[in-house]
Amino acid sequence: MDTVFSSQLQKLRKERNVTQEALAAHLGVSPQAVSKWENGSYPDGDLLPKIADFFGVSIDYLYGRAKEDSSVAQKVMDELQNLVEDSDSSKEVFFEQAFKYAWAIQIASWKTNKYYYDRPELKETDGLTVAEINSKAGFTYMRLNKDLEYFFLVKIGRASCRERV
């Protein structure tokens, strides 16, 4: 008897080309247990978070109660949220990770750049300001120096874009 859980599990496993054996090994169970779950039975409750994490979905998704959201934006949000929720993580760690994402947006806007690289280490006397107009729709702007780093991503409204044409 198929259940929503069994259908979702089988669908995720097949979409990601994961064998029952590979999933079983990751979870520390037998391949027969995975087979039973895909045919209508349920895993122990403590395995549900491990299954959800393995596939990068929520437990609600496993039960058909939520859509799978594996967009890049959701993944970034999840990672930053994990830093906020982690009591051992400082706000400094959060901002450093957020700045890595902002830096990636900035360098992605440069037409000649195709690869990510870390922000440069700057000396006390160094300062770097860069702007890149991506299109008439908006532009990026950044300032890096030892005491102050910031990034802007400016979206220009559609009416303003038409006026500029």
N, C-alpha and C. Protein backbone atom coordinates (compact mmCIF):
# COMPACT_ATOMS: atom_id res chain seq x y z
N MET A 1 0.84 -1.18 0.00
CA MET A 1 0.00 0.00 0.00
C MET A 1 0.88 1.25 0.00
N ASP A 2 0.75 2.05 -1.05
CA ASP A 2 1.53 3.28 -1.13
C ASP A 2 0.94 4.35 -0.22
N THR A 3 1.82 5.06 0.43
CA THR A 3 1.43 6.21 1.24
C THR A 3 2.07 7.44 0.61
N VAL A 4 1.66 8.62 1.07
CA VAL A 4 2.29 9.84 0.56
C VAL A 4 3.78 9.79 0.88
N PHE A 5 4.12 9.37 2.09
CA PHE A 5 5.53 9.28 2.47
C PHE A 5 6.29 8.35 1.54
N SER A 6 5.75 7.16 1.28
CA SER A 6 6.47 6.20 0.44
C SER A 6 6.65 6.73 -0.98
N SER A 7 5.62 7.39 -1.50
CA SER A 7 5.72 7.97 -2.84
C SER A 7 6.77 9.08 -2.90
N GLN A 8 6.76 9.96 -1.88
CA GLN A 8 7.71 11.07 -1.85
C GLN A 8 9.14 10.55 -1.73
N LEU A 9 9.34 9.56 -0.86
CA LEU A 9 10.68 9.00 -0.66
C LEU A 9 11.19 8.38 -1.95
N GLN A 10 10.37 7.58 -2.59
CA GLN A 10 10.78 6.93 -3.82
C GLN A 10 11.05 7.97 -4.92
N LYS A 11 10.19 8.98 -5.01
CA LYS A 11 10.38 10.03 -6.01
C LYS A 11 11.71 10.75 -5.79
N LEU A 12 11.98 11.17 -4.55
CA LEU A 12 13.23 11.87 -4.26
C LEU A 12 14.44 11.00 -4.58
N ARG A 13 14.37 9.75 -4.17
CA ARG A 13 15.50 8.85 -4.37
C ARG A 13 15.79 8.66 -5.86
N LYS A 14 14.75 8.49 -6.65
CA LYS A 14 14.93 8.27 -8.09
C LYS A 14 15.37 9.55 -8.80
N GLU A 15 14.78 10.69 -8.42
CA GLU A 15 15.17 11.97 -9.04
C GLU A 15 16.66 12.27 -8.83
N ARG A 16 17.17 11.85 -7.69
CA ARG A 16 18.56 12.15 -7.35
C ARG A 16 19.50 10.98 -7.65
N ASN A 17 18.97 9.96 -8.30
CA ASN A 17 19.77 8.79 -8.67
C ASN A 17 20.49 8.17 -7.47
N VAL A 18 19.74 7.99 -6.39
CA VAL A 18 20.28 7.38 -5.18
C VAL A 18 19.68 5.99 -5.07
N THR A 19 20.52 5.00 -4.87
CA THR A 19 20.02 3.64 -4.71
C THR A 19 19.49 3.45 -3.29
N GLN A 20 18.66 2.44 -3.13
CA GLN A 20 18.19 2.09 -1.79
C GLN A 20 19.37 1.74 -0.90
N GLU A 21 20.35 1.10 -1.47
CA GLU A 21 21.54 0.70 -0.71
C GLU A 21 22.32 1.93 -0.23
N ALA A 22 22.47 2.92 -1.09
CA ALA A 22 23.21 4.13 -0.71
C ALA A 22 22.48 4.90 0.38
N LEU A 23 21.16 5.03 0.25
CA LEU A 23 20.38 5.71 1.28
C LEU A 23 20.45 4.94 2.59
N ALA A 24 20.33 3.63 2.51
CA ALA A 24 20.40 2.80 3.71
C ALA A 24 21.75 2.96 4.41
N ALA A 25 22.82 2.95 3.64
CA ALA A 25 24.16 3.09 4.22
C ALA A 25 24.30 4.44 4.92
N HIS A 26 23.78 5.49 4.31
CA HIS A 26 23.86 6.83 4.92
C HIS A 26 23.09 6.89 6.23
N LEU A 27 21.95 6.19 6.28
CA LEU A 27 21.10 6.24 7.47
C LEU A 27 21.46 5.18 8.51
N GLY A 28 22.30 4.24 8.12
CA GLY A 28 22.67 3.17 9.06
C GLY A 28 21.58 2.13 9.24
N VAL A 29 20.84 1.87 8.16
CA VAL A 29 19.79 0.85 8.20
C VAL A 29 20.03 -0.12 7.05
N SER A 30 19.22 -1.14 6.96
CA SER A 30 19.36 -2.11 5.87
C SER A 30 18.64 -1.61 4.62
N PRO A 31 19.09 -2.05 3.44
CA PRO A 31 18.36 -1.71 2.21
C PRO A 31 16.92 -2.23 2.25
N GLN A 32 16.70 -3.32 2.97
CA GLN A 32 15.33 -3.86 3.09
C GLN A 32 14.43 -2.88 3.83
N ALA A 33 14.98 -2.14 4.80
CA ALA A 33 14.19 -1.15 5.54
C ALA A 33 13.74 -0.04 4.59
N VAL A 34 14.65 0.42 3.73
CA VAL A 34 14.29 1.46 2.77
C VAL A 34 13.22 0.93 1.82
N SER A 35 13.36 -0.30 1.39
CA SER A 35 12.37 -0.91 0.51
C SER A 35 11.00 -0.96 1.18
N LYS A 36 10.96 -1.32 2.45
CA LYS A 36 9.69 -1.37 3.19
C LYS A 36 9.06 0.01 3.26
N TRP A 37 9.88 1.06 3.50
CA TRP A 37 9.35 2.43 3.58
C TRP A 37 8.73 2.84 2.25
N GLU A 38 9.36 2.40 1.16
CA GLU A 38 8.84 2.76 -0.16
C GLU A 38 7.61 1.95 -0.54
N ASN A 39 7.30 0.95 0.27
CA ASN A 39 6.13 0.12 0.01
C ASN A 39 5.05 0.28 1.08
N GLY A 40 5.13 1.38 1.83
CA GLY A 40 4.01 1.68 2.72
C GLY A 40 4.29 1.74 4.20
N SER A 41 5.43 1.25 4.68
CA SER A 41 5.69 1.36 6.11
C SER A 41 6.45 2.67 6.38
N TYR A 42 6.71 2.95 7.64
CA TYR A 42 7.34 4.21 8.03
C TYR A 42 8.61 3.95 8.83
N PRO A 43 9.59 4.83 8.68
CA PRO A 43 10.81 4.71 9.48
C PRO A 43 10.55 5.18 10.91
N ASP A 44 11.47 4.85 11.80
CA ASP A 44 11.39 5.39 13.16
C ASP A 44 11.46 6.91 13.08
N GLY A 45 10.79 7.57 13.99
CA GLY A 45 10.70 9.03 13.98
C GLY A 45 12.05 9.74 14.01
N ASP A 46 13.04 9.14 14.68
CA ASP A 46 14.34 9.80 14.76
C ASP A 46 15.10 9.77 13.43
N LEU A 47 14.63 8.97 12.48
CA LEU A 47 15.26 8.93 11.16
C LEU A 47 14.70 9.98 10.20
N LEU A 48 13.53 10.51 10.50
CA LEU A 48 12.91 11.47 9.60
C LEU A 48 13.78 12.71 9.34
N PRO A 49 14.36 13.34 10.38
CA PRO A 49 15.23 14.49 10.09
C PRO A 49 16.44 14.10 9.25
N LYS A 50 16.97 12.91 9.46
CA LYS A 50 18.13 12.47 8.67
C LYS A 50 17.76 12.26 7.21
N ILE A 51 16.59 11.71 6.98
CA ILE A 51 16.12 11.51 5.60
C ILE A 51 15.88 12.87 4.93
N ALA A 52 15.20 13.77 5.65
CA ALA A 52 14.92 15.10 5.10
C ALA A 52 16.23 15.83 4.79
N ASP A 53 17.19 15.78 5.72
CA ASP A 53 18.47 16.45 5.51
C ASP A 53 19.23 15.85 4.33
N PHE A 54 19.17 14.53 4.20
CA PHE A 54 19.87 13.86 3.11
C PHE A 54 19.39 14.38 1.76
N PHE A 55 18.08 14.59 1.64
CA PHE A 55 17.53 15.05 0.36
C PHE A 55 17.38 16.57 0.28
N GLY A 56 17.67 17.26 1.38
CA GLY A 56 17.57 18.72 1.38
C GLY A 56 16.14 19.21 1.31
N VAL A 57 15.24 18.52 1.98
CA VAL A 57 13.84 18.90 2.02
C VAL A 57 13.38 18.95 3.48
N SER A 58 12.19 19.44 3.69
CA SER A 58 11.63 19.46 5.05
C SER A 58 10.92 18.13 5.33
N ILE A 59 10.69 17.87 6.60
CA ILE A 59 9.90 16.68 6.97
C ILE A 59 8.49 16.83 6.42
N ASP A 60 7.96 18.06 6.45
CA ASP A 60 6.64 18.30 5.87
C ASP A 60 6.60 17.88 4.41
N TYR A 61 7.68 18.14 3.67
CA TYR A 61 7.72 17.75 2.27
C TYR A 61 7.63 16.23 2.13
N LEU A 62 8.30 15.51 3.01
CA LEU A 62 8.25 14.04 2.96
C LEU A 62 6.83 13.51 3.11
N TYR A 63 5.99 14.28 3.81
CA TYR A 63 4.61 13.87 4.01
C TYR A 63 3.64 14.59 3.07
N GLY A 64 4.19 15.26 2.04
CA GLY A 64 3.34 15.91 1.05
C GLY A 64 2.67 17.18 1.52
N ARG A 65 3.18 17.76 2.61
CA ARG A 65 2.55 18.96 3.17
C ARG A 65 3.23 20.26 2.76
N ALA A 66 4.30 20.19 2.01
CA ALA A 66 5.01 21.40 1.60
C ALA A 66 5.67 21.14 0.26
N LYS A 67 5.88 22.21 -0.48
CA LYS A 67 6.59 22.09 -1.74
C LYS A 67 8.08 22.03 -1.48
N GLU A 68 8.76 21.33 -2.35
CA GLU A 68 10.22 21.29 -2.29
C GLU A 68 10.74 22.63 -2.79
N ASP A 69 11.58 23.26 -1.99
CA ASP A 69 12.17 24.53 -2.41
C ASP A 69 13.67 24.39 -2.36
N SER A 70 14.23 24.07 -3.48
CA SER A 70 15.68 23.89 -3.53
C SER A 70 16.33 25.00 -4.34
N SER A 71 15.70 26.17 -4.37
CA SER A 71 16.27 27.29 -5.10
C SER A 71 17.56 27.74 -4.42
N VAL A 72 18.40 28.38 -5.18
CA VAL A 72 19.64 28.91 -4.63
C VAL A 72 19.32 29.89 -3.50
N ALA A 73 18.33 30.74 -3.72
CA ALA A 73 17.96 31.72 -2.70
C ALA A 73 17.56 31.03 -1.39
N GLN A 74 16.81 29.93 -1.48
CA GLN A 74 16.41 29.21 -0.28
C GLN A 74 17.61 28.57 0.41
N LYS A 75 18.53 28.05 -0.37
CA LYS A 75 19.73 27.44 0.22
C LYS A 75 20.57 28.48 0.95
N VAL A 76 20.71 29.67 0.36
CA VAL A 76 21.44 30.76 1.02
C VAL A 76 20.73 31.13 2.32
N MET A 77 19.42 31.28 2.23
CA MET A 77 18.61 31.62 3.41
C MET A 77 18.79 30.57 4.50
N ASP A 78 18.72 29.31 4.13
CA ASP A 78 18.87 28.23 5.12
C ASP A 78 20.23 28.29 5.79
N GLU A 79 21.28 28.48 5.00
CA GLU A 79 22.62 28.52 5.57
C GLU A 79 22.79 29.70 6.53
N LEU A 80 22.32 30.87 6.14
CA LEU A 80 22.42 32.03 7.02
C LEU A 80 21.56 31.84 8.27
N GLN A 81 20.38 31.26 8.10
CA GLN A 81 19.50 31.01 9.25
C GLN A 81 20.14 30.03 10.22
N ASN A 82 20.84 29.03 9.71
CA ASN A 82 21.54 28.09 10.58
C ASN A 82 22.59 28.81 11.42
N LEU A 83 23.26 29.80 10.85
CA LEU A 83 24.24 30.57 11.61
C LEU A 83 23.57 31.38 12.71
N VAL A 84 22.39 31.93 12.41
CA VAL A 84 21.66 32.72 13.40
C VAL A 84 21.19 31.82 14.54
N GLU A 85 20.72 30.62 14.20
CA GLU A 85 20.19 29.70 15.22
C GLU A 85 21.28 29.02 16.04
N ASP A 86 22.48 28.93 15.49
CA ASP A 86 23.58 28.25 16.17
C ASP A 86 24.10 29.13 17.29
N SER A 87 23.84 28.74 18.53
CA SER A 87 24.24 29.57 19.66
C SER A 87 25.75 29.70 19.78
N ASP A 88 26.50 28.77 19.19
CA ASP A 88 27.96 28.85 19.24
C ASP A 88 28.52 29.79 18.18
N SER A 89 27.68 30.20 17.25
CA SER A 89 28.12 31.05 16.16
C SER A 89 27.98 32.51 16.55
N SER A 90 29.00 33.28 16.30
CA SER A 90 28.94 34.70 16.62
C SER A 90 28.32 35.48 15.48
N LYS A 91 27.90 36.70 15.77
CA LYS A 91 27.36 37.57 14.73
C LYS A 91 28.44 37.88 13.71
N GLU A 92 29.69 37.86 14.14
CA GLU A 92 30.82 38.08 13.23
C GLU A 92 30.85 37.00 12.14
N VAL A 93 30.62 35.76 12.54
CA VAL A 93 30.59 34.65 11.58
C VAL A 93 29.43 34.84 10.60
N PHE A 94 28.27 35.24 11.11
CA PHE A 94 27.12 35.50 10.25
C PHE A 94 27.45 36.57 9.22
N PHE A 95 27.99 37.70 9.67
CA PHE A 95 28.28 38.79 8.74
C PHE A 95 29.37 38.41 7.74
N GLU A 96 30.34 37.64 8.17
CA GLU A 96 31.38 37.21 7.23
C GLU A 96 30.78 36.35 6.12
N GLN A 97 29.88 35.44 6.48
CA GLN A 97 29.24 34.60 5.47
C GLN A 97 28.33 35.43 4.58
N ALA A 98 27.57 36.35 5.15
CA ALA A 98 26.71 37.23 4.36
C ALA A 98 27.54 38.06 3.39
N PHE A 99 28.72 38.52 3.84
CA PHE A 99 29.58 39.31 2.95
C PHE A 99 30.16 38.45 1.83
N LYS A 100 30.38 37.17 2.09
CA LYS A 100 30.84 36.30 1.02
C LYS A 100 29.79 36.22 -0.09
N TYR A 101 28.52 36.14 0.30
CA TYR A 101 27.45 36.09 -0.69
C TYR A 101 27.36 37.43 -1.43
N ALA A 102 27.45 38.54 -0.70
CA ALA A 102 27.40 39.86 -1.34
C ALA A 102 28.58 40.03 -2.29
N TRP A 103 29.75 39.58 -1.87
CA TRP A 103 30.94 39.66 -2.72
C TRP A 103 30.72 38.84 -4.00
N ALA A 104 30.14 37.65 -3.86
CA ALA A 104 29.87 36.81 -5.03
C ALA A 104 28.92 37.51 -6.00
N ILE A 105 27.91 38.19 -5.47
CA ILE A 105 27.00 38.96 -6.33
C ILE A 105 27.77 40.05 -7.05
N GLN A 106 28.63 40.75 -6.30
CA GLN A 106 29.40 41.85 -6.89
C GLN A 106 30.29 41.35 -8.03
N ILE A 107 31.10 40.34 -7.77
CA ILE A 107 32.03 39.91 -8.81
C ILE A 107 31.33 39.19 -9.96
N ALA A 108 30.14 38.63 -9.69
CA ALA A 108 29.37 38.01 -10.78
C ALA A 108 28.87 39.08 -11.75
N SER A 109 28.73 40.31 -11.29
CA SER A 109 28.23 41.38 -12.16
C SER A 109 29.30 41.91 -13.11
N TRP A 110 30.56 41.58 -12.85
CA TRP A 110 31.63 42.04 -13.73
C TRP A 110 31.66 41.15 -14.96
N LYS A 111 31.52 41.74 -16.09
CA LYS A 111 31.40 40.98 -17.34
C LYS A 111 32.63 40.11 -17.62
N THR A 112 33.79 40.53 -17.18
CA THR A 112 35.01 39.79 -17.49
C THR A 112 35.31 38.68 -16.49
N ASN A 113 34.55 38.60 -15.41
CA ASN A 113 34.83 37.62 -14.37
C ASN A 113 33.91 36.41 -14.49
N LYS A 114 34.49 35.21 -14.41
CA LYS A 114 33.68 33.99 -14.51
C LYS A 114 33.82 33.09 -13.28
N TYR A 115 34.75 33.42 -12.36
CA TYR A 115 35.02 32.51 -11.25
C TYR A 115 35.01 33.27 -9.92
N TYR A 116 34.54 32.58 -8.89
CA TYR A 116 34.54 33.16 -7.55
C TYR A 116 35.96 33.18 -7.00
N TYR A 117 36.29 34.23 -6.28
CA TYR A 117 37.52 34.29 -5.49
C TYR A 117 37.22 35.15 -4.27
N ASP A 118 37.96 34.92 -3.18
CA ASP A 118 37.71 35.63 -1.94
C ASP A 118 38.03 37.11 -2.05
N ARG A 119 37.39 37.89 -1.19
CA ARG A 119 37.69 39.32 -1.14
C ARG A 119 39.16 39.49 -0.80
N PRO A 120 39.81 40.50 -1.39
CA PRO A 120 41.23 40.69 -1.12
C PRO A 120 41.48 41.19 0.30
N GLU A 121 42.62 40.81 0.85
CA GLU A 121 43.06 41.35 2.14
C GLU A 121 43.58 42.75 1.89
N LEU A 122 43.08 43.70 2.61
CA LEU A 122 43.48 45.09 2.40
C LEU A 122 44.34 45.59 3.55
N LYS A 123 45.30 46.44 3.21
CA LYS A 123 46.13 47.08 4.22
C LYS A 123 45.41 48.32 4.72
N GLU A 124 45.93 48.92 5.79
CA GLU A 124 45.32 50.12 6.37
C GLU A 124 45.14 51.23 5.33
N THR A 125 46.07 51.36 4.43
CA THR A 125 46.04 52.46 3.46
C THR A 125 45.26 52.12 2.20
N ASP A 126 44.92 50.84 2.03
CA ASP A 126 44.20 50.44 0.82
C ASP A 126 42.73 50.83 0.89
N GLY A 127 42.19 51.07 -0.23
CA GLY A 127 40.76 51.29 -0.36
C GLY A 127 40.37 50.86 -1.76
N LEU A 128 39.22 50.31 -1.91
CA LEU A 128 38.79 49.81 -3.21
C LEU A 128 37.32 50.15 -3.36
N THR A 129 36.97 50.86 -4.40
CA THR A 129 35.58 51.17 -4.71
C THR A 129 35.32 50.72 -6.13
N VAL A 130 34.27 49.97 -6.32
CA VAL A 130 33.97 49.46 -7.65
C VAL A 130 32.48 49.59 -7.90
N ALA A 131 32.13 50.00 -9.08
CA ALA A 131 30.74 50.02 -9.50
C ALA A 131 30.66 49.32 -10.84
N GLU A 132 29.59 48.64 -11.06
CA GLU A 132 29.39 47.98 -12.35
C GLU A 132 27.93 48.16 -12.72
N ILE A 133 27.69 48.74 -13.85
CA ILE A 133 26.32 48.87 -14.33
C ILE A 133 26.00 47.60 -15.08
N ASN A 134 25.07 46.84 -14.56
CA ASN A 134 24.70 45.59 -15.19
C ASN A 134 23.80 45.82 -16.40
N SER A 135 22.90 46.76 -16.26
CA SER A 135 21.96 47.06 -17.33
C SER A 135 21.21 48.32 -16.93
N LYS A 136 20.27 48.68 -17.74
CA LYS A 136 19.44 49.82 -17.39
C LYS A 136 18.50 49.47 -16.24
N ALA A 137 18.47 48.22 -15.85
CA ALA A 137 17.60 47.78 -14.77
C ALA A 137 18.21 48.01 -13.39
N GLY A 138 19.54 48.20 -13.31
CA GLY A 138 20.14 48.40 -12.01
C GLY A 138 21.64 48.33 -12.06
N PHE A 139 22.26 48.48 -10.88
CA PHE A 139 23.72 48.42 -10.82
C PHE A 139 24.16 47.95 -9.44
N THR A 140 25.41 47.55 -9.38
CA THR A 140 26.03 47.16 -8.11
C THR A 140 27.10 48.18 -7.76
N TYR A 141 27.36 48.30 -6.48
CA TYR A 141 28.37 49.24 -6.01
C TYR A 141 28.95 48.68 -4.72
N MET A 142 30.25 48.80 -4.56
CA MET A 142 30.85 48.30 -3.33
C MET A 142 32.01 49.19 -2.91
N ARG A 143 32.31 49.14 -1.64
CA ARG A 143 33.46 49.83 -1.08
C ARG A 143 34.12 48.87 -0.11
N LEU A 144 35.39 48.63 -0.32
CA LEU A 144 36.16 47.79 0.60
C LEU A 144 37.33 48.61 1.12
N ASN A 145 37.46 48.72 2.40
CA ASN A 145 38.69 49.19 3.03
C ASN A 145 38.75 48.57 4.41
N LYS A 146 39.83 48.80 5.11
CA LYS A 146 40.04 48.12 6.39
C LYS A 146 38.94 48.42 7.41
N ASP A 147 38.44 49.65 7.42
CA ASP A 147 37.48 50.07 8.44
C ASP A 147 36.02 49.96 8.03
N LEU A 148 35.76 49.90 6.73
CA LEU A 148 34.37 49.93 6.29
C LEU A 148 34.22 49.17 4.97
N GLU A 149 33.35 48.18 5.00
CA GLU A 149 33.04 47.44 3.78
C GLU A 149 31.54 47.51 3.57
N TYR A 150 31.12 47.76 2.34
CA TYR A 150 29.69 47.71 2.06
C TYR A 150 29.44 47.38 0.60
N PHE A 151 28.24 46.87 0.37
CA PHE A 151 27.79 46.51 -0.96
C PHE A 151 26.40 47.07 -1.16
N PHE A 152 26.12 47.52 -2.36
CA PHE A 152 24.77 47.93 -2.74
C PHE A 152 24.38 47.17 -3.99
N LEU A 153 23.17 46.78 -4.04
CA LEU A 153 22.57 46.22 -5.25
C LEU A 153 21.34 47.08 -5.49
N VAL A 154 21.39 47.89 -6.51
CA VAL A 154 20.34 48.87 -6.75
C VAL A 154 19.51 48.46 -7.96
N LYS A 155 18.23 48.31 -7.73
CA LYS A 155 17.30 47.98 -8.82
C LYS A 155 16.58 49.26 -9.21
N ILE A 156 16.61 49.55 -10.48
CA ILE A 156 15.95 50.74 -10.99
C ILE A 156 14.57 50.32 -11.48
N GLY A 157 13.55 51.08 -11.10
CA GLY A 157 12.17 50.76 -11.46
C GLY A 157 11.95 50.73 -12.96
N ARG A 158 10.93 50.03 -13.38
CA ARG A 158 10.64 49.88 -14.81
C ARG A 158 10.37 51.22 -15.48
N ALA A 159 9.65 52.11 -14.79
CA ALA A 159 9.37 53.41 -15.38
C ALA A 159 10.67 54.17 -15.62
N SER A 160 11.59 54.10 -14.67
CA SER A 160 12.88 54.77 -14.83
C SER A 160 13.66 54.18 -15.97
N CYS A 161 13.56 52.88 -16.17
CA CYS A 161 14.27 52.22 -17.28
C CYS A 161 13.74 52.72 -18.61
N ARG A 162 12.43 52.86 -18.74
CA ARG A 162 11.85 53.33 -20.00
C ARG A 162 12.26 54.76 -20.28
N GLU A 163 12.34 55.59 -19.22
CA GLU A 163 12.74 56.98 -19.39
C GLU A 163 14.18 57.09 -19.86
N ARG A 164 15.01 56.16 -19.47
CA ARG A 164 16.44 56.21 -19.79
C ARG A 164 16.72 55.71 -21.19
N VAL A 165 15.77 54.98 -21.81
CA VAL A 165 16.00 54.39 -23.13
C VAL A 165 16.05 55.45 -24.20
